[in-house]
């Protein structure tokens, strides 16, 4: 469960939606045999948020909305969004669905190559974080 200083009425609901998004991402990346870049937008909470109305509604349930449909305590909303951004990365890494490859050097087929970013891959599908390192 994620940690935030913002008082929420539906923490479990938000958590379940986020974990559902992670599961869907896993299923899609497994089917397509994709590596996911953690700094490139492949694993980005704000993109997931903007494409998921259920998540938007669940988050916004916790905030007062003014007569123009705007969130009254925008600073608190942004703090929650930042906390959820961090949590979204954590649940990807800790889900046991993905292998995590940190940025750095890797040896594959006798050659050392550098990964510039942290990467995720469906568990057991890749030996190192490069497209040519898929296990057959």
N, C-alpha and C. Protein backbone atom coordinates (compact mmCIF):
# COMPACT_ATOMS: atom_id res chain seq x y z
N UNK A 1 0.85 -1.18 0.00
CA UNK A 1 0.00 0.00 0.00
C UNK A 1 0.89 1.24 0.00
N UNK A 2 0.48 2.25 -0.70
CA UNK A 2 1.30 3.45 -0.81
C UNK A 2 1.16 4.35 0.42
N UNK A 3 2.18 5.18 0.59
CA UNK A 3 2.22 6.10 1.71
C UNK A 3 2.07 7.54 1.19
N UNK A 4 1.23 8.30 1.85
CA UNK A 4 1.07 9.71 1.53
C UNK A 4 0.61 10.44 2.77
N UNK A 5 0.94 11.72 2.85
CA UNK A 5 0.47 12.54 3.96
C UNK A 5 -0.95 13.05 3.72
N UNK A 6 -1.43 12.91 2.50
CA UNK A 6 -2.77 13.37 2.14
C UNK A 6 -3.80 12.37 2.66
N UNK A 7 -4.82 12.89 3.33
CA UNK A 7 -5.88 12.02 3.87
C UNK A 7 -6.79 11.60 2.72
N UNK A 8 -6.89 10.29 2.55
CA UNK A 8 -7.68 9.73 1.46
C UNK A 8 -8.84 8.91 2.00
N UNK A 9 -9.92 8.88 1.24
CA UNK A 9 -11.08 8.09 1.64
C UNK A 9 -11.14 6.74 0.92
N UNK A 10 -10.28 6.56 -0.08
CA UNK A 10 -10.37 5.35 -0.91
C UNK A 10 -9.00 4.80 -1.32
N UNK A 11 -8.10 4.72 -0.38
CA UNK A 11 -6.74 4.25 -0.65
C UNK A 11 -6.75 2.88 -1.32
N UNK A 12 -7.56 1.96 -0.82
CA UNK A 12 -7.62 0.62 -1.39
C UNK A 12 -8.08 0.62 -2.84
N UNK A 13 -9.03 1.46 -3.17
CA UNK A 13 -9.54 1.54 -4.54
C UNK A 13 -8.44 2.04 -5.48
N UNK A 14 -7.74 3.09 -5.07
CA UNK A 14 -6.64 3.63 -5.90
C UNK A 14 -5.56 2.57 -6.07
N UNK A 15 -5.21 1.91 -4.99
CA UNK A 15 -4.18 0.87 -5.02
C UNK A 15 -4.58 -0.26 -5.99
N UNK A 16 -5.82 -0.68 -5.92
CA UNK A 16 -6.31 -1.76 -6.79
C UNK A 16 -6.27 -1.35 -8.26
N UNK A 17 -6.64 -0.12 -8.54
CA UNK A 17 -6.61 0.36 -9.94
C UNK A 17 -5.17 0.38 -10.45
N UNK A 18 -4.25 0.89 -9.63
CA UNK A 18 -2.85 0.94 -10.05
C UNK A 18 -2.29 -0.46 -10.28
N UNK A 19 -2.60 -1.38 -9.39
CA UNK A 19 -2.12 -2.75 -9.57
C UNK A 19 -2.74 -3.40 -10.80
N UNK A 20 -3.97 -3.04 -11.11
CA UNK A 20 -4.60 -3.52 -12.35
C UNK A 20 -3.90 -2.99 -13.58
N UNK A 21 -3.48 -1.75 -13.54
CA UNK A 21 -2.74 -1.16 -14.65
C UNK A 21 -1.40 -1.88 -14.83
N UNK A 22 -0.73 -2.17 -13.72
CA UNK A 22 0.54 -2.89 -13.78
C UNK A 22 0.35 -4.27 -14.39
N UNK A 23 -0.69 -4.97 -13.97
CA UNK A 23 -0.98 -6.29 -14.52
C UNK A 23 -1.25 -6.22 -16.03
N UNK A 24 -2.02 -5.24 -16.44
CA UNK A 24 -2.31 -5.08 -17.87
C UNK A 24 -1.03 -4.76 -18.64
N UNK A 25 -0.18 -3.92 -18.08
CA UNK A 25 1.09 -3.60 -18.71
C UNK A 25 1.94 -4.86 -18.85
N UNK A 26 1.96 -5.67 -17.81
CA UNK A 26 2.70 -6.93 -17.86
C UNK A 26 2.17 -7.82 -18.99
N UNK A 27 0.86 -8.00 -19.04
CA UNK A 27 0.26 -8.87 -20.04
C UNK A 27 0.57 -8.38 -21.45
N UNK A 28 0.49 -7.06 -21.66
CA UNK A 28 0.79 -6.50 -22.98
C UNK A 28 2.27 -6.64 -23.32
N UNK A 29 3.14 -6.40 -22.35
CA UNK A 29 4.58 -6.49 -22.62
C UNK A 29 5.00 -7.94 -22.83
N UNK A 30 4.35 -8.88 -22.18
CA UNK A 30 4.64 -10.29 -22.39
C UNK A 30 4.19 -10.72 -23.78
N UNK A 31 2.99 -10.34 -24.16
CA UNK A 31 2.46 -10.69 -25.47
C UNK A 31 3.31 -10.09 -26.60
N UNK A 32 3.71 -8.86 -26.43
CA UNK A 32 4.49 -8.16 -27.46
C UNK A 32 6.00 -8.35 -27.30
N UNK A 33 6.39 -9.03 -26.19
CA UNK A 33 7.81 -9.25 -25.87
C UNK A 33 8.58 -7.93 -25.81
N UNK A 34 8.07 -7.02 -24.98
CA UNK A 34 8.62 -5.67 -24.88
C UNK A 34 9.49 -5.48 -23.65
N UNK A 35 10.52 -4.69 -23.82
CA UNK A 35 11.27 -4.12 -22.70
C UNK A 35 10.61 -2.79 -22.39
N UNK A 36 10.54 -2.43 -21.12
CA UNK A 36 9.93 -1.18 -20.72
C UNK A 36 10.98 -0.27 -20.10
N UNK A 37 11.12 0.91 -20.62
CA UNK A 37 12.06 1.90 -20.11
C UNK A 37 11.40 2.66 -18.96
N UNK A 38 12.04 2.66 -17.81
CA UNK A 38 11.43 3.30 -16.64
C UNK A 38 11.55 4.82 -16.66
N UNK A 39 12.44 5.36 -17.46
CA UNK A 39 12.59 6.81 -17.54
C UNK A 39 12.08 7.40 -18.85
N UNK A 40 11.57 6.56 -19.73
CA UNK A 40 11.21 7.01 -21.07
C UNK A 40 9.71 7.14 -21.30
N UNK A 41 8.91 6.94 -20.31
CA UNK A 41 7.47 7.04 -20.47
C UNK A 41 6.77 5.70 -20.59
N UNK A 42 7.53 4.61 -20.71
CA UNK A 42 6.89 3.29 -20.77
C UNK A 42 6.22 2.94 -19.44
N UNK A 43 6.80 3.42 -18.36
CA UNK A 43 6.27 3.18 -17.01
C UNK A 43 6.09 4.56 -16.38
N UNK A 44 5.07 5.27 -16.79
CA UNK A 44 4.88 6.65 -16.34
C UNK A 44 3.49 6.80 -15.74
N UNK A 45 3.44 7.17 -14.47
CA UNK A 45 2.17 7.33 -13.78
C UNK A 45 1.29 8.38 -14.44
N UNK A 46 1.87 9.50 -14.86
CA UNK A 46 1.07 10.58 -15.41
C UNK A 46 0.41 10.17 -16.73
N UNK A 47 1.10 9.37 -17.53
CA UNK A 47 0.50 8.86 -18.76
C UNK A 47 -0.63 7.89 -18.41
N UNK A 48 -0.37 6.99 -17.46
CA UNK A 48 -1.41 6.05 -17.03
C UNK A 48 -2.62 6.81 -16.49
N UNK A 49 -2.37 7.84 -15.70
CA UNK A 49 -3.44 8.65 -15.12
C UNK A 49 -4.27 9.33 -16.21
N UNK A 50 -3.60 9.92 -17.18
CA UNK A 50 -4.33 10.65 -18.21
C UNK A 50 -5.13 9.74 -19.13
N UNK A 51 -4.78 8.45 -19.16
CA UNK A 51 -5.48 7.49 -20.02
C UNK A 51 -6.45 6.59 -19.26
N UNK A 52 -6.70 6.89 -17.99
CA UNK A 52 -7.56 6.01 -17.20
C UNK A 52 -8.55 6.85 -16.39
N UNK A 53 -9.75 6.94 -16.91
CA UNK A 53 -10.79 7.75 -16.27
C UNK A 53 -11.15 7.24 -14.88
N UNK A 54 -11.15 5.92 -14.70
CA UNK A 54 -11.46 5.34 -13.39
C UNK A 54 -10.43 5.80 -12.35
N UNK A 55 -9.17 5.84 -12.72
CA UNK A 55 -8.11 6.31 -11.81
C UNK A 55 -8.28 7.79 -11.52
N UNK A 56 -8.55 8.57 -12.53
CA UNK A 56 -8.77 10.00 -12.34
C UNK A 56 -9.91 10.24 -11.36
N UNK A 57 -11.02 9.55 -11.56
CA UNK A 57 -12.18 9.72 -10.68
C UNK A 57 -11.87 9.29 -9.25
N UNK A 58 -11.15 8.17 -9.10
CA UNK A 58 -10.81 7.67 -7.76
C UNK A 58 -9.92 8.66 -7.02
N UNK A 59 -8.98 9.25 -7.71
CA UNK A 59 -8.10 10.24 -7.07
C UNK A 59 -8.89 11.50 -6.74
N UNK A 60 -9.68 11.97 -7.69
CA UNK A 60 -10.40 13.22 -7.49
C UNK A 60 -11.51 13.13 -6.46
N UNK A 61 -11.96 11.91 -6.14
CA UNK A 61 -12.95 11.73 -5.07
C UNK A 61 -12.46 12.29 -3.74
N UNK A 62 -11.18 12.42 -3.59
CA UNK A 62 -10.58 12.84 -2.33
C UNK A 62 -10.42 14.35 -2.20
N UNK A 63 -10.88 15.10 -3.20
CA UNK A 63 -10.65 16.54 -3.21
C UNK A 63 -11.94 17.30 -3.49
N UNK A 64 -12.03 18.45 -2.87
CA UNK A 64 -13.16 19.34 -3.10
C UNK A 64 -12.98 19.99 -4.48
N UNK A 65 -14.07 20.06 -5.21
CA UNK A 65 -14.07 20.66 -6.54
C UNK A 65 -14.87 21.96 -6.48
N UNK A 66 -14.33 23.03 -7.08
CA UNK A 66 -15.05 24.31 -7.06
C UNK A 66 -16.13 24.35 -8.14
N UNK A 67 -16.81 25.49 -8.24
CA UNK A 67 -17.92 25.61 -9.18
C UNK A 67 -17.49 25.53 -10.65
N UNK A 68 -16.18 25.64 -10.90
CA UNK A 68 -15.66 25.56 -12.26
C UNK A 68 -15.09 24.17 -12.58
N UNK A 69 -15.27 23.25 -11.64
CA UNK A 69 -14.78 21.90 -11.84
C UNK A 69 -13.30 21.73 -11.55
N UNK A 70 -12.70 22.72 -10.90
CA UNK A 70 -11.27 22.68 -10.58
C UNK A 70 -11.07 22.21 -9.13
N UNK A 71 -9.99 21.53 -8.89
CA UNK A 71 -9.65 21.07 -7.54
C UNK A 71 -9.25 22.26 -6.69
N UNK A 72 -9.83 22.35 -5.50
CA UNK A 72 -9.59 23.50 -4.63
C UNK A 72 -8.17 23.47 -4.05
N UNK A 73 -7.76 22.35 -3.51
CA UNK A 73 -6.43 22.24 -2.88
C UNK A 73 -5.46 21.59 -3.87
N UNK A 74 -5.08 22.37 -4.86
CA UNK A 74 -4.25 21.85 -5.94
C UNK A 74 -2.87 21.40 -5.44
N UNK A 75 -2.34 22.06 -4.40
CA UNK A 75 -1.03 21.66 -3.86
C UNK A 75 -1.10 20.26 -3.25
N UNK A 76 -2.18 19.97 -2.54
CA UNK A 76 -2.36 18.63 -1.97
C UNK A 76 -2.54 17.60 -3.08
N UNK A 77 -3.28 17.97 -4.10
CA UNK A 77 -3.49 17.07 -5.23
C UNK A 77 -2.14 16.75 -5.88
N UNK A 78 -1.32 17.77 -6.09
CA UNK A 78 -0.02 17.54 -6.71
C UNK A 78 0.89 16.70 -5.82
N UNK A 79 0.82 16.91 -4.52
CA UNK A 79 1.61 16.08 -3.60
C UNK A 79 1.20 14.61 -3.70
N UNK A 80 -0.10 14.37 -3.75
CA UNK A 80 -0.59 13.00 -3.92
C UNK A 80 -0.12 12.42 -5.25
N UNK A 81 -0.21 13.20 -6.30
CA UNK A 81 0.22 12.73 -7.61
C UNK A 81 1.71 12.36 -7.60
N UNK A 82 2.52 13.16 -6.93
CA UNK A 82 3.95 12.86 -6.82
C UNK A 82 4.18 11.57 -6.04
N UNK A 83 3.42 11.39 -4.95
CA UNK A 83 3.53 10.16 -4.16
C UNK A 83 3.11 8.95 -4.99
N UNK A 84 2.06 9.10 -5.77
CA UNK A 84 1.58 8.00 -6.60
C UNK A 84 2.55 7.69 -7.74
N UNK A 85 3.20 8.72 -8.25
CA UNK A 85 4.23 8.51 -9.29
C UNK A 85 5.32 7.59 -8.76
N UNK A 86 5.81 7.90 -7.56
CA UNK A 86 6.86 7.07 -6.95
C UNK A 86 6.34 5.66 -6.69
N UNK A 87 5.14 5.54 -6.17
CA UNK A 87 4.56 4.24 -5.86
C UNK A 87 4.36 3.40 -7.12
N UNK A 88 3.95 4.03 -8.21
CA UNK A 88 3.72 3.34 -9.47
C UNK A 88 5.00 2.64 -9.94
N UNK A 89 6.13 3.31 -9.81
CA UNK A 89 7.41 2.69 -10.16
C UNK A 89 7.72 1.52 -9.24
N UNK A 90 7.46 1.72 -7.96
CA UNK A 90 7.75 0.68 -6.96
C UNK A 90 6.92 -0.57 -7.24
N UNK A 91 5.63 -0.42 -7.50
CA UNK A 91 4.81 -1.62 -7.69
C UNK A 91 5.19 -2.36 -8.97
N UNK A 92 5.68 -1.66 -9.96
CA UNK A 92 6.19 -2.36 -11.14
C UNK A 92 7.39 -3.22 -10.74
N UNK A 93 8.32 -2.62 -10.02
CA UNK A 93 9.55 -3.33 -9.65
C UNK A 93 9.29 -4.46 -8.66
N UNK A 94 8.34 -4.29 -7.76
CA UNK A 94 8.11 -5.26 -6.70
C UNK A 94 6.96 -6.22 -6.98
N UNK A 95 6.41 -6.18 -8.16
CA UNK A 95 5.23 -6.98 -8.47
C UNK A 95 5.52 -8.46 -8.70
N UNK A 96 6.76 -8.84 -8.86
CA UNK A 96 7.15 -10.20 -9.24
C UNK A 96 6.68 -10.56 -10.65
N UNK A 97 6.21 -9.59 -11.39
CA UNK A 97 5.82 -9.81 -12.78
C UNK A 97 6.96 -9.47 -13.73
N UNK A 98 7.85 -8.62 -13.28
CA UNK A 98 8.91 -8.09 -14.13
C UNK A 98 10.29 -8.38 -13.55
N UNK A 99 11.25 -8.51 -14.45
CA UNK A 99 12.66 -8.46 -14.07
C UNK A 99 13.08 -7.01 -14.17
N UNK A 100 13.85 -6.55 -13.19
CA UNK A 100 14.34 -5.18 -13.17
C UNK A 100 15.82 -5.19 -13.56
N UNK A 101 16.15 -4.39 -14.55
CA UNK A 101 17.53 -4.22 -15.00
C UNK A 101 17.93 -2.77 -14.77
N UNK A 102 18.84 -2.53 -13.83
CA UNK A 102 19.27 -1.16 -13.57
C UNK A 102 20.19 -0.68 -14.68
N UNK A 103 20.29 0.62 -14.84
CA UNK A 103 21.21 1.20 -15.81
C UNK A 103 22.62 0.74 -15.49
N UNK A 104 23.40 0.49 -16.53
CA UNK A 104 24.77 0.07 -16.31
C UNK A 104 25.23 -0.91 -17.35
N UNK A 105 26.43 -1.46 -17.15
CA UNK A 105 26.99 -2.38 -18.15
C UNK A 105 26.45 -3.80 -17.99
N UNK A 106 26.27 -4.46 -19.13
CA UNK A 106 25.83 -5.85 -19.18
C UNK A 106 26.64 -6.57 -20.24
N UNK A 107 26.91 -7.84 -20.01
CA UNK A 107 27.60 -8.65 -21.00
C UNK A 107 26.59 -9.62 -21.60
N UNK A 108 26.55 -9.63 -22.92
CA UNK A 108 25.65 -10.51 -23.66
C UNK A 108 26.37 -10.98 -24.92
N UNK A 109 26.37 -12.29 -25.13
CA UNK A 109 27.05 -12.88 -26.28
C UNK A 109 28.52 -12.44 -26.37
N UNK A 110 29.16 -12.35 -25.21
CA UNK A 110 30.57 -12.02 -25.16
C UNK A 110 30.90 -10.55 -25.33
N UNK A 111 29.90 -9.71 -25.48
CA UNK A 111 30.13 -8.27 -25.66
C UNK A 111 29.54 -7.51 -24.48
N UNK A 112 30.27 -6.50 -24.01
CA UNK A 112 29.78 -5.65 -22.93
C UNK A 112 29.13 -4.42 -23.56
N UNK A 113 27.89 -4.18 -23.12
CA UNK A 113 27.12 -3.02 -23.60
C UNK A 113 26.56 -2.28 -22.40
N UNK A 114 26.20 -1.05 -22.61
CA UNK A 114 25.72 -0.18 -21.55
C UNK A 114 24.23 0.11 -21.74
N UNK A 115 23.47 -0.06 -20.68
CA UNK A 115 22.07 0.38 -20.66
C UNK A 115 22.04 1.74 -19.98
N UNK A 116 21.53 2.73 -20.67
CA UNK A 116 21.51 4.09 -20.14
C UNK A 116 20.40 4.34 -19.13
N UNK A 117 19.39 3.46 -19.12
CA UNK A 117 18.25 3.66 -18.24
C UNK A 117 17.88 2.37 -17.53
N UNK A 118 17.12 2.51 -16.46
CA UNK A 118 16.55 1.35 -15.79
C UNK A 118 15.47 0.77 -16.70
N UNK A 119 15.44 -0.55 -16.78
CA UNK A 119 14.50 -1.23 -17.67
C UNK A 119 13.75 -2.32 -16.92
N UNK A 120 12.57 -2.63 -17.40
CA UNK A 120 11.78 -3.76 -16.93
C UNK A 120 11.48 -4.67 -18.11
N UNK A 121 11.37 -5.94 -17.81
CA UNK A 121 10.96 -6.91 -18.82
C UNK A 121 10.10 -7.96 -18.14
N UNK A 122 9.15 -8.53 -18.85
CA UNK A 122 8.37 -9.62 -18.26
C UNK A 122 9.32 -10.68 -17.69
N UNK A 123 9.04 -11.12 -16.49
CA UNK A 123 9.93 -12.04 -15.77
C UNK A 123 10.34 -13.22 -16.65
N UNK A 124 11.68 -13.40 -16.70
CA UNK A 124 12.25 -14.54 -17.40
C UNK A 124 12.34 -14.42 -18.91
N UNK A 125 11.89 -13.33 -19.49
CA UNK A 125 11.85 -13.20 -20.94
C UNK A 125 13.18 -12.71 -21.53
N UNK A 126 13.89 -11.87 -20.81
CA UNK A 126 15.16 -11.30 -21.29
C UNK A 126 16.27 -11.65 -20.31
N UNK A 127 17.48 -11.85 -20.85
CA UNK A 127 18.64 -12.12 -19.99
C UNK A 127 19.34 -10.83 -19.60
N UNK A 128 19.27 -9.83 -20.43
CA UNK A 128 19.83 -8.49 -20.19
C UNK A 128 18.88 -7.49 -20.86
N UNK A 129 19.00 -6.21 -20.56
CA UNK A 129 18.00 -5.24 -21.05
C UNK A 129 18.24 -4.73 -22.48
N UNK A 130 18.33 -5.66 -23.43
CA UNK A 130 18.50 -5.27 -24.83
C UNK A 130 17.58 -6.13 -25.69
N UNK A 131 17.04 -5.55 -26.74
CA UNK A 131 16.06 -6.26 -27.56
C UNK A 131 16.58 -7.57 -28.14
N UNK A 132 17.88 -7.67 -28.37
CA UNK A 132 18.42 -8.91 -28.93
C UNK A 132 18.75 -9.96 -27.88
N UNK A 133 18.35 -9.72 -26.64
CA UNK A 133 18.67 -10.65 -25.55
C UNK A 133 17.44 -11.42 -25.06
N UNK A 134 16.46 -11.55 -25.93
CA UNK A 134 15.26 -12.31 -25.56
C UNK A 134 15.61 -13.79 -25.47
N UNK A 135 15.09 -14.43 -24.47
CA UNK A 135 15.31 -15.87 -24.30
C UNK A 135 14.31 -16.62 -25.16
N UNK A 136 14.77 -17.60 -25.84
CA UNK A 136 13.87 -18.39 -26.71
C UNK A 136 13.50 -19.68 -26.04
